Amino acid sequence: MALYSHNNSYPKPLPNRIRLPNGFTKTDSSTFTEDELTSAGYSGPYTYPSFDPLTEKIEWVGNGFTVRLYNEQEIESQWSVIREQRDELLKESDYTQVSDYNFGITNTTEWQTYRQELRNITSQSNPFNITWPTISSSSPE
């Protein structure tokens, strides 16, 4: 899909209507000419470059895309997101470890393993490529 930048903003697909410098609007993006697009403030078309989303970030710099490695702040921010998700999953499964509730749970070892794998999630090497543990049953058996 072709993307166009309007006044150097992040590229998007063309709208169905553009406003020309004379104040008129034109609809049907399939009929826009290059001159009309330029006079309406659009540049392009642009396409996303190839990149590895597990290690690289794509950025728009006003007149084109660049690809760069994630920086330390972005990596730490992603680890924060992962820890929040992990903590929520741990909270959701807390009840499986309460002895007063355990009378209805027959797979406590499986839950304990799952919860330990959640706690170990930050030992994985890439916060943009997390393998989340699963449990065969989302509810107690």
C-alpha atoms as a PDB file:
ATOM      1  CA  MET A   1       0.000   0.000   0.000  1.00  0.00           C
ATOM      2  CA  ALA A   2       1.383   3.371  -0.977  1.00  0.00           C
ATOM      3  CA  LEU A   3       1.731   5.929   1.792  1.00  0.00           C
ATOM      4  CA  TYR A   4       1.846   9.702   1.454  1.00  0.00           C
ATOM      5  CA  SER A   5       3.111  12.348   3.820  1.00  0.00           C
ATOM      6  CA  HIS A   6       1.010  15.479   4.287  1.00  0.00           C
ATOM      7  CA  ASN A   7       3.238  18.448   5.128  1.00  0.00           C
ATOM      8  CA  ASN A   8       6.036  16.097   6.257  1.00  0.00           C
ATOM      9  CA  SER A   9       3.842  14.254   8.777  1.00  0.00           C
ATOM     10  CA  TYR A  10       4.005  10.478   9.227  1.00  0.00           C
ATOM     11  CA  PRO A  11       2.846   8.848   5.962  1.00  0.00           C
ATOM     12  CA  LYS A  12      -0.647   7.404   5.691  1.00  0.00           C
ATOM     13  CA  PRO A  13      -2.818   6.168   2.827  1.00  0.00           C
ATOM     14  CA  LEU A  14      -4.252   9.002   0.765  1.00  0.00           C
ATOM     15  CA  PRO A  15      -7.572  10.408   1.961  1.00  0.00           C
ATOM     16  CA  ASN A  16     -10.606  10.259  -0.319  1.00  0.00           C
ATOM     17  CA  ARG A  17     -10.620  14.051  -0.571  1.00  0.00           C
ATOM     18  CA  ILE A  18      -7.881  16.669  -0.862  1.00  0.00           C
ATOM     19  CA  ARG A  19      -8.107  20.448  -0.746  1.00  0.00           C
ATOM     20  CA  LEU A  20      -6.396  22.192  -3.638  1.00  0.00           C
ATOM     21  CA  PRO A  21      -4.708  25.608  -3.284  1.00  0.00           C
ATOM     22  CA  ASN A  22      -7.610  27.319  -5.115  1.00  0.00           C
ATOM     23  CA  GLY A  23      -9.962  26.220  -2.296  1.00  0.00           C
ATOM     24  CA  PHE A  24     -11.701  23.507  -4.298  1.00  0.00           C
ATOM     25  CA  THR A  25     -11.676  19.921  -3.149  1.00  0.00           C
ATOM     26  CA  LYS A  26     -11.203  16.866  -5.251  1.00  0.00           C
ATOM     27  CA  THR A  27     -12.531  13.451  -4.350  1.00  0.00           C
ATOM     28  CA  ASP A  28     -11.607   9.957  -5.551  1.00  0.00           C
ATOM     29  CA  SER A  29      -7.968   9.349  -4.746  1.00  0.00           C
ATOM     30  CA  SER A  30      -7.570   7.193  -7.853  1.00  0.00           C
ATOM     31  CA  THR A  31      -7.825  10.340  -9.997  1.00  0.00           C
ATOM     32  CA  PHE A  32      -5.383  12.597  -8.110  1.00  0.00           C
ATOM     33  CA  THR A  33      -2.488  13.755 -10.271  1.00  0.00           C
ATOM     34  CA  GLU A  34       1.045  14.163  -8.983  1.00  0.00           C
ATOM     35  CA  ASP A  35       0.765  17.953  -9.403  1.00  0.00           C
ATOM     36  CA  GLU A  36      -2.499  18.052  -7.424  1.00  0.00           C
ATOM     37  CA  LEU A  37      -0.998  15.993  -4.623  1.00  0.00           C
ATOM     38  CA  THR A  38       2.094  18.190  -4.460  1.00  0.00           C
ATOM     39  CA  SER A  39       0.041  21.405  -4.479  1.00  0.00           C
ATOM     40  CA  ALA A  40      -2.138  19.993  -1.665  1.00  0.00           C
ATOM     41  CA  GLY A  41       0.963  19.336   0.467  1.00  0.00           C
ATOM     42  CA  TYR A  42       1.406  15.607  -0.147  1.00  0.00           C
ATOM     43  CA  SER A  43       4.661  13.868  -0.950  1.00  0.00           C
ATOM     44  CA  GLY A  44       5.290  10.261  -1.754  1.00  0.00           C
ATOM     45  CA  PRO A  45       4.621   7.526  -2.336  1.00  0.00           C
ATOM     46  CA  TYR A  46       6.595   5.925   0.468  1.00  0.00           C
ATOM     47  CA  THR A  47       6.877   2.297   1.455  1.00  0.00           C
ATOM     48  CA  TYR A  48       8.166   0.791   4.676  1.00  0.00           C
ATOM     49  CA  PRO A  49      11.749  -0.420   4.409  1.00  0.00           C
ATOM     50  CA  SER A  50      12.561  -3.949   5.472  1.00  0.00           C
ATOM     51  CA  PHE A  51      13.649  -4.233   9.107  1.00  0.00           C
ATOM     52  CA  ASP A  52      13.817  -6.703  11.967  1.00  0.00           C
ATOM     53  CA  PRO A  53      11.117  -5.677  14.486  1.00  0.00           C
ATOM     54  CA  LEU A  54      12.831  -7.760  17.168  1.00  0.00           C
ATOM     55  CA  THR A  55      15.925  -5.557  17.173  1.00  0.00           C
ATOM     56  CA  GLU A  56      15.167  -2.507  15.040  1.00  0.00           C
ATOM     57  CA  LYS A  57      12.779   0.411  15.061  1.00  0.00           C
ATOM     58  CA  ILE A  58      11.440   2.243  12.039  1.00  0.00           C
ATOM     59  CA  GLU A  59      11.164   6.030  12.252  1.00  0.00           C
ATOM     60  CA  TRP A  60       9.855   8.804  10.044  1.00  0.00           C
ATOM     61  CA  VAL A  61      12.251  11.744   9.744  1.00  0.00           C
ATOM     62  CA  GLY A  62      10.102  14.160   7.725  1.00  0.00           C
ATOM     63  CA  ASN A  63      11.208  13.101   4.274  1.00  0.00           C
ATOM     64  CA  GLY A  64      11.757   9.370   4.572  1.00  0.00           C
ATOM     65  CA  PHE A  65      11.937   6.346   6.810  1.00  0.00           C
ATOM     66  CA  THR A  66      15.036   5.324   8.741  1.00  0.00           C
ATOM     67  CA  VAL A  67      15.773   2.082  10.536  1.00  0.00           C
ATOM     68  CA  ARG A  68      17.828   1.933  13.726  1.00  0.00           C
ATOM     69  CA  LEU A  69      18.484  -0.392  16.632  1.00  0.00           C
ATOM     70  CA  TYR A  70      16.354   0.034  19.745  1.00  0.00           C
ATOM     71  CA  ASN A  71      18.101   2.227  22.303  1.00  0.00           C
ATOM     72  CA  GLU A  72      18.527   1.364  25.997  1.00  0.00           C
ATOM     73  CA  GLN A  73      15.601   3.559  27.087  1.00  0.00           C
ATOM     74  CA  GLU A  74      13.222   1.834  24.641  1.00  0.00           C
ATOM     75  CA  ILE A  75      14.428  -1.578  25.741  1.00  0.00           C
ATOM     76  CA  GLU A  76      13.926  -0.714  29.428  1.00  0.00           C
ATOM     77  CA  SER A  77      10.497   0.731  28.664  1.00  0.00           C
ATOM     78  CA  GLN A  78       9.506  -2.506  26.933  1.00  0.00           C
ATOM     79  CA  TRP A  79      10.747  -4.507  29.923  1.00  0.00           C
ATOM     80  CA  SER A  80       8.449  -2.369  32.091  1.00  0.00           C
ATOM     81  CA  VAL A  81       5.503  -3.286  29.878  1.00  0.00           C
ATOM     82  CA  ILE A  82       6.453  -6.963  30.087  1.00  0.00           C
ATOM     83  CA  ARG A  83       6.736  -6.813  33.894  1.00  0.00           C
ATOM     84  CA  GLU A  84       3.293  -5.148  34.146  1.00  0.00           C
ATOM     85  CA  GLN A  85       1.733  -7.860  31.972  1.00  0.00           C
ATOM     86  CA  ARG A  86       3.518 -10.544  33.975  1.00  0.00           C
ATOM     87  CA  ASP A  87       2.367  -9.069  37.290  1.00  0.00           C
ATOM     88  CA  GLU A  88      -1.225  -8.969  36.059  1.00  0.00           C
ATOM     89  CA  LEU A  89      -1.070 -12.635  35.053  1.00  0.00           C
ATOM     90  CA  LEU A  90       0.370 -13.510  38.449  1.00  0.00           C
ATOM     91  CA  LYS A  91      -2.440 -11.601  40.199  1.00  0.00           C
ATOM     92  CA  GLU A  92      -5.044 -13.372  38.089  1.00  0.00           C
ATOM     93  CA  SER A  93      -3.675 -16.738  39.193  1.00  0.00           C
ATOM     94  CA  ASP A  94      -3.021 -15.917  42.871  1.00  0.00           C
ATOM     95  CA  TYR A  95      -6.142 -17.776  43.945  1.00  0.00           C
ATOM     96  CA  THR A  96      -4.624 -21.063  42.752  1.00  0.00           C
ATOM     97  CA  GLN A  97      -2.029 -20.856  45.528  1.00  0.00           C
ATOM     98  CA  VAL A  98      -4.349 -20.090  48.456  1.00  0.00           C
ATOM     99  CA  SER A  99      -4.729 -23.195  50.598  1.00  0.00           C
ATOM    100  CA  ASP A 100      -8.298 -22.285  51.634  1.00  0.00           C
ATOM    101  CA  TYR A 101      -9.298 -22.326  47.959  1.00  0.00           C
ATOM    102  CA  ASN A 102      -7.226 -25.298  46.826  1.00  0.00           C
ATOM    103  CA  PHE A 103      -9.960 -27.836  47.567  1.00  0.00           C
ATOM    104  CA  GLY A 104     -11.212 -27.425  43.971  1.00  0.00           C
ATOM    105  CA  ILE A 105      -7.831 -27.323  42.210  1.00  0.00           C
ATOM    106  CA  THR A 106      -6.297 -30.620  41.150  1.00  0.00           C
ATOM    107  CA  ASN A 107      -3.452 -29.279  38.988  1.00  0.00           C
ATOM    108  CA  THR A 108      -1.599 -27.212  41.609  1.00  0.00           C
ATOM    109  CA  THR A 109       1.839 -28.323  40.390  1.00  0.00           C
ATOM    110  CA  GLU A 110       1.029 -27.123  36.887  1.00  0.00           C
ATOM    111  CA  TRP A 111      -0.068 -23.757  38.287  1.00  0.00           C
ATOM    112  CA  GLN A 112       3.091 -23.485  40.380  1.00  0.00           C
ATOM    113  CA  THR A 113       5.242 -24.196  37.312  1.00  0.00           C
ATOM    114  CA  TYR A 114       3.309 -21.643  35.255  1.00  0.00           C
ATOM    115  CA  ARG A 115       3.709 -18.973  37.934  1.00  0.00           C
ATOM    116  CA  GLN A 116       7.448 -19.669  38.265  1.00  0.00           C
ATOM    117  CA  GLU A 117       7.843 -19.349  34.489  1.00  0.00           C
ATOM    118  CA  LEU A 118       6.043 -15.987  34.708  1.00  0.00           C
ATOM    119  CA  ARG A 119       8.430 -14.823  37.438  1.00  0.00           C
ATOM    120  CA  ASN A 120      11.374 -15.892  35.246  1.00  0.00           C
ATOM    121  CA  ILE A 121      10.091 -14.035  32.173  1.00  0.00           C
ATOM    122  CA  THR A 122      12.636 -11.228  32.549  1.00  0.00           C
ATOM    123  CA  SER A 123      15.495 -13.707  32.115  1.00  0.00           C
ATOM    124  CA  GLN A 124      14.637 -13.877  28.418  1.00  0.00           C
ATOM    125  CA  SER A 125      17.046 -11.927  26.241  1.00  0.00           C
ATOM    126  CA  ASN A 126      14.734  -9.740  24.124  1.00  0.00           C
ATOM    127  CA  PRO A 127      11.701  -7.856  25.489  1.00  0.00           C
ATOM    128  CA  PHE A 128      10.364  -7.502  21.933  1.00  0.00           C
ATOM    129  CA  ASN A 129      10.296 -11.281  21.481  1.00  0.00           C
ATOM    130  CA  ILE A 130       8.817 -12.798  24.635  1.00  0.00           C
ATOM    131  CA  THR A 131       7.710 -16.409  24.829  1.00  0.00           C
ATOM    132  CA  TRP A 132       4.888 -16.383  27.357  1.00  0.00           C
ATOM    133  CA  PRO A 133       4.221 -19.510  29.396  1.00  0.00           C
ATOM    134  CA  THR A 134       0.852 -21.161  29.106  1.00  0.00           C
ATOM    135  CA  ILE A 135      -1.157 -23.457  31.252  1.00  0.00           C
ATOM    136  CA  SER A 136      -3.213 -26.219  29.675  1.00  0.00           C
ATOM    137  CA  SER A 137      -6.315 -25.078  31.515  1.00  0.00           C
ATOM    138  CA  SER A 138      -7.148 -21.411  32.110  1.00  0.00           C
ATOM    139  CA  SER A 139      -9.374 -22.340  35.025  1.00  0.00           C
ATOM    140  CA  PRO A 140      -8.904 -24.776  37.901  1.00  0.00           C
ATOM    141  CA  GLU A 141      -9.894 -28.360  37.290  1.00  0.00           C
END
